[in-house]
Amino acid sequence: MKNIIKDIKENCPECHCDTEKTIEFLEAHGDLSYTAEHYREVWYFYLALLKEVTKKEARETTIELFHISFEKFKYIQKWHKRVN
């Protein structure tokens, strides 16, 4: 991680304090994993849905809309708890 930060500071000085530009820089250089981004998208969609419906309905809707299996949803849930 230290080397990624060093690379950003050396090669993209305007990114140093701007989060969006930093993310764009990381995406452009292949430093962000598509899988990790997809898992976050699924998880945050589920969390937003939880504010409106029950856990079961939120889980089922998320699984249906993202075309993932129940096992993949559980994996994403465990992955998110491990990451955070």
N, C-alpha and C. Protein backbone atom coordinates (compact mmCIF):
# COMPACT_ATOMS: atom_id res chain seq x y z
N MET A 1 0.83 -1.19 0.00
CA MET A 1 0.00 0.00 0.00
C MET A 1 0.87 1.25 0.00
N LYS A 2 1.97 1.22 0.72
CA LYS A 2 2.87 2.38 0.77
C LYS A 2 3.39 2.72 -0.61
N ASN A 3 3.67 1.69 -1.41
CA ASN A 3 4.19 1.93 -2.76
C ASN A 3 3.13 2.50 -3.68
N ILE A 4 1.88 2.11 -3.49
CA ILE A 4 0.79 2.69 -4.28
C ILE A 4 0.66 4.17 -3.97
N ILE A 5 0.71 4.52 -2.69
CA ILE A 5 0.63 5.92 -2.28
C ILE A 5 1.81 6.70 -2.84
N LYS A 6 3.00 6.12 -2.78
CA LYS A 6 4.20 6.76 -3.31
C LYS A 6 4.05 6.99 -4.81
N ASP A 7 3.52 6.00 -5.53
CA ASP A 7 3.31 6.10 -6.97
C ASP A 7 2.33 7.23 -7.29
N ILE A 8 1.27 7.35 -6.52
CA ILE A 8 0.29 8.42 -6.73
C ILE A 8 0.95 9.78 -6.50
N LYS A 9 1.69 9.92 -5.42
CA LYS A 9 2.34 11.20 -5.11
C LYS A 9 3.33 11.60 -6.21
N GLU A 10 4.06 10.64 -6.75
CA GLU A 10 5.07 10.93 -7.77
C GLU A 10 4.48 11.17 -9.14
N ASN A 11 3.41 10.46 -9.48
CA ASN A 11 2.90 10.49 -10.85
C ASN A 11 1.59 11.24 -11.05
N CYS A 12 0.96 11.63 -9.97
CA CYS A 12 -0.31 12.32 -10.11
C CYS A 12 -0.49 13.31 -8.96
N PRO A 13 0.26 14.41 -8.98
CA PRO A 13 0.20 15.35 -7.85
C PRO A 13 -1.20 15.93 -7.62
N GLU A 14 -2.01 16.09 -8.68
CA GLU A 14 -3.35 16.64 -8.48
C GLU A 14 -4.28 15.64 -7.79
N CYS A 15 -3.90 14.37 -7.74
CA CYS A 15 -4.70 13.34 -7.08
C CYS A 15 -4.49 13.31 -5.57
N HIS A 16 -3.42 13.91 -5.13
CA HIS A 16 -2.99 13.75 -3.74
C HIS A 16 -4.11 14.03 -2.72
N CYS A 17 -4.93 15.02 -2.95
CA CYS A 17 -5.98 15.35 -1.98
C CYS A 17 -7.39 15.14 -2.52
N ASP A 18 -7.51 14.74 -3.77
CA ASP A 18 -8.82 14.56 -4.39
C ASP A 18 -9.13 13.07 -4.51
N THR A 19 -10.09 12.61 -3.75
CA THR A 19 -10.41 11.18 -3.69
C THR A 19 -10.84 10.64 -5.05
N GLU A 20 -11.70 11.37 -5.76
CA GLU A 20 -12.18 10.89 -7.05
C GLU A 20 -11.04 10.74 -8.05
N LYS A 21 -10.13 11.69 -8.08
CA LYS A 21 -9.00 11.60 -9.00
C LYS A 21 -8.07 10.45 -8.61
N THR A 22 -7.94 10.22 -7.31
CA THR A 22 -7.12 9.11 -6.84
C THR A 22 -7.70 7.78 -7.32
N ILE A 23 -9.01 7.63 -7.18
CA ILE A 23 -9.68 6.41 -7.63
C ILE A 23 -9.52 6.24 -9.14
N GLU A 24 -9.70 7.31 -9.90
CA GLU A 24 -9.51 7.24 -11.35
C GLU A 24 -8.09 6.82 -11.70
N PHE A 25 -7.12 7.36 -10.98
CA PHE A 25 -5.72 7.00 -11.21
C PHE A 25 -5.50 5.50 -10.95
N LEU A 26 -6.04 5.02 -9.84
CA LEU A 26 -5.89 3.61 -9.48
C LEU A 26 -6.56 2.70 -10.51
N GLU A 27 -7.75 3.08 -10.97
CA GLU A 27 -8.44 2.29 -11.98
C GLU A 27 -7.65 2.26 -13.28
N ALA A 28 -7.13 3.41 -13.68
CA ALA A 28 -6.39 3.51 -14.93
C ALA A 28 -5.12 2.66 -14.91
N HIS A 29 -4.54 2.48 -13.74
CA HIS A 29 -3.30 1.71 -13.63
C HIS A 29 -3.53 0.27 -13.19
N GLY A 30 -4.78 -0.15 -13.14
CA GLY A 30 -5.10 -1.54 -12.81
C GLY A 30 -4.87 -1.92 -11.37
N ASP A 31 -4.88 -0.95 -10.47
CA ASP A 31 -4.63 -1.24 -9.06
C ASP A 31 -5.89 -1.57 -8.27
N LEU A 32 -7.05 -1.36 -8.87
CA LEU A 32 -8.30 -1.70 -8.20
C LEU A 32 -8.88 -2.96 -8.83
N SER A 33 -9.25 -3.88 -8.01
CA SER A 33 -9.79 -5.15 -8.48
C SER A 33 -11.26 -4.99 -8.84
N TYR A 34 -11.64 -5.49 -10.01
CA TYR A 34 -13.05 -5.47 -10.41
C TYR A 34 -13.89 -6.28 -9.44
N THR A 35 -13.36 -7.41 -9.00
CA THR A 35 -14.09 -8.27 -8.08
C THR A 35 -14.40 -7.55 -6.78
N ALA A 36 -13.42 -6.89 -6.22
CA ALA A 36 -13.63 -6.17 -4.97
C ALA A 36 -14.66 -5.06 -5.15
N GLU A 37 -14.60 -4.37 -6.28
CA GLU A 37 -15.56 -3.31 -6.55
C GLU A 37 -16.97 -3.89 -6.69
N HIS A 38 -17.07 -5.01 -7.37
CA HIS A 38 -18.38 -5.66 -7.54
C HIS A 38 -18.94 -6.10 -6.18
N TYR A 39 -18.11 -6.69 -5.36
CA TYR A 39 -18.56 -7.12 -4.03
C TYR A 39 -19.06 -5.93 -3.20
N ARG A 40 -18.35 -4.81 -3.28
CA ARG A 40 -18.79 -3.61 -2.55
C ARG A 40 -20.12 -3.11 -3.09
N GLU A 41 -20.29 -3.15 -4.41
CA GLU A 41 -21.53 -2.70 -5.01
C GLU A 41 -22.70 -3.56 -4.52
N VAL A 42 -22.52 -4.87 -4.51
CA VAL A 42 -23.55 -5.78 -4.02
C VAL A 42 -23.85 -5.49 -2.56
N TRP A 43 -22.80 -5.36 -1.75
CA TRP A 43 -22.99 -5.18 -0.31
C TRP A 43 -23.68 -3.86 0.02
N TYR A 44 -23.27 -2.78 -0.59
CA TYR A 44 -23.87 -1.48 -0.28
C TYR A 44 -25.30 -1.37 -0.83
N PHE A 45 -25.57 -2.06 -1.92
CA PHE A 45 -26.95 -2.12 -2.40
C PHE A 45 -27.81 -2.83 -1.37
N TYR A 46 -27.32 -3.95 -0.86
CA TYR A 46 -28.03 -4.70 0.18
C TYR A 46 -28.27 -3.84 1.42
N LEU A 47 -27.25 -3.13 1.88
CA LEU A 47 -27.39 -2.29 3.07
C LEU A 47 -28.42 -1.17 2.85
N ALA A 48 -28.43 -0.59 1.66
CA ALA A 48 -29.41 0.46 1.37
C ALA A 48 -30.82 -0.11 1.36
N LEU A 49 -30.96 -1.31 0.82
CA LEU A 49 -32.27 -1.95 0.77
C LEU A 49 -32.76 -2.34 2.16
N LEU A 50 -31.86 -2.64 3.06
CA LEU A 50 -32.23 -3.01 4.43
C LEU A 50 -32.99 -1.89 5.14
N LYS A 51 -32.78 -0.66 4.73
CA LYS A 51 -33.47 0.47 5.35
C LYS A 51 -34.95 0.50 4.99
N GLU A 52 -35.32 -0.24 3.93
CA GLU A 52 -36.69 -0.19 3.44
C GLU A 52 -37.47 -1.49 3.65
N VAL A 53 -36.77 -2.61 3.68
CA VAL A 53 -37.45 -3.91 3.78
C VAL A 53 -36.75 -4.81 4.80
N THR A 54 -37.28 -6.00 4.99
CA THR A 54 -36.69 -6.95 5.94
C THR A 54 -35.40 -7.53 5.39
N LYS A 55 -34.63 -8.18 6.27
CA LYS A 55 -33.37 -8.79 5.84
C LYS A 55 -33.59 -9.81 4.74
N LYS A 56 -34.60 -10.64 4.92
CA LYS A 56 -34.87 -11.70 3.93
C LYS A 56 -35.23 -11.10 2.58
N GLU A 57 -36.09 -10.09 2.56
CA GLU A 57 -36.47 -9.46 1.30
C GLU A 57 -35.29 -8.75 0.66
N ALA A 58 -34.47 -8.09 1.46
CA ALA A 58 -33.29 -7.40 0.94
C ALA A 58 -32.31 -8.41 0.34
N ARG A 59 -32.09 -9.51 1.04
CA ARG A 59 -31.18 -10.54 0.55
C ARG A 59 -31.69 -11.14 -0.76
N GLU A 60 -32.96 -11.50 -0.79
CA GLU A 60 -33.53 -12.12 -1.99
C GLU A 60 -33.51 -11.16 -3.19
N THR A 61 -33.83 -9.90 -2.95
CA THR A 61 -33.81 -8.91 -4.02
C THR A 61 -32.39 -8.70 -4.54
N THR A 62 -31.44 -8.61 -3.65
CA THR A 62 -30.04 -8.42 -4.04
C THR A 62 -29.55 -9.60 -4.87
N ILE A 63 -29.85 -10.80 -4.41
CA ILE A 63 -29.44 -12.01 -5.13
C ILE A 63 -30.05 -12.03 -6.53
N GLU A 64 -31.32 -11.67 -6.61
CA GLU A 64 -32.02 -11.68 -7.89
C GLU A 64 -31.48 -10.62 -8.84
N LEU A 65 -31.31 -9.40 -8.36
CA LEU A 65 -30.87 -8.31 -9.23
C LEU A 65 -29.42 -8.44 -9.70
N PHE A 66 -28.58 -8.99 -8.86
CA PHE A 66 -27.16 -9.14 -9.23
C PHE A 66 -26.85 -10.52 -9.82
N HIS A 67 -27.88 -11.36 -9.93
CA HIS A 67 -27.71 -12.70 -10.52
C HIS A 67 -26.58 -13.48 -9.85
N ILE A 68 -26.63 -13.51 -8.52
CA ILE A 68 -25.64 -14.28 -7.77
C ILE A 68 -26.36 -15.36 -6.97
N SER A 69 -25.62 -16.36 -6.57
CA SER A 69 -26.19 -17.44 -5.77
C SER A 69 -26.22 -17.03 -4.30
N PHE A 70 -26.99 -17.78 -3.53
CA PHE A 70 -27.04 -17.54 -2.09
C PHE A 70 -25.65 -17.72 -1.48
N GLU A 71 -24.92 -18.72 -1.97
CA GLU A 71 -23.57 -18.98 -1.46
C GLU A 71 -22.64 -17.80 -1.75
N LYS A 72 -22.77 -17.22 -2.94
CA LYS A 72 -21.94 -16.06 -3.30
C LYS A 72 -22.30 -14.87 -2.41
N PHE A 73 -23.59 -14.70 -2.12
CA PHE A 73 -24.00 -13.62 -1.23
C PHE A 73 -23.39 -13.80 0.15
N LYS A 74 -23.44 -15.02 0.68
CA LYS A 74 -22.84 -15.29 1.99
C LYS A 74 -21.33 -15.04 1.95
N TYR A 75 -20.70 -15.41 0.85
CA TYR A 75 -19.26 -15.17 0.69
C TYR A 75 -18.97 -13.67 0.72
N ILE A 76 -19.77 -12.87 -0.01
CA ILE A 76 -19.60 -11.42 -0.03
C ILE A 76 -19.81 -10.85 1.36
N GLN A 77 -20.80 -11.36 2.07
CA GLN A 77 -21.07 -10.91 3.44
C GLN A 77 -19.85 -11.17 4.34
N LYS A 78 -19.29 -12.36 4.26
CA LYS A 78 -18.10 -12.69 5.06
C LYS A 78 -16.90 -11.85 4.60
N TRP A 79 -16.77 -11.66 3.30
CA TRP A 79 -15.67 -10.87 2.75
C TRP A 79 -15.74 -9.45 3.28
N HIS A 80 -16.93 -8.87 3.27
CA HIS A 80 -17.07 -7.49 3.74
C HIS A 80 -16.75 -7.37 5.23
N LYS A 81 -17.16 -8.34 6.03
CA LYS A 81 -16.84 -8.30 7.46
C LYS A 81 -15.35 -8.42 7.68
N ARG A 82 -14.67 -9.21 6.85
CA ARG A 82 -13.22 -9.38 6.98
C ARG A 82 -12.49 -8.12 6.56
N VAL A 83 -12.95 -7.48 5.50
CA VAL A 83 -12.31 -6.27 5.00
C VAL A 83 -12.49 -5.11 5.96
N ASN A 84 -13.67 -5.01 6.55
CA ASN A 84 -13.95 -3.88 7.46
C ASN A 84 -13.73 -4.36 8.82
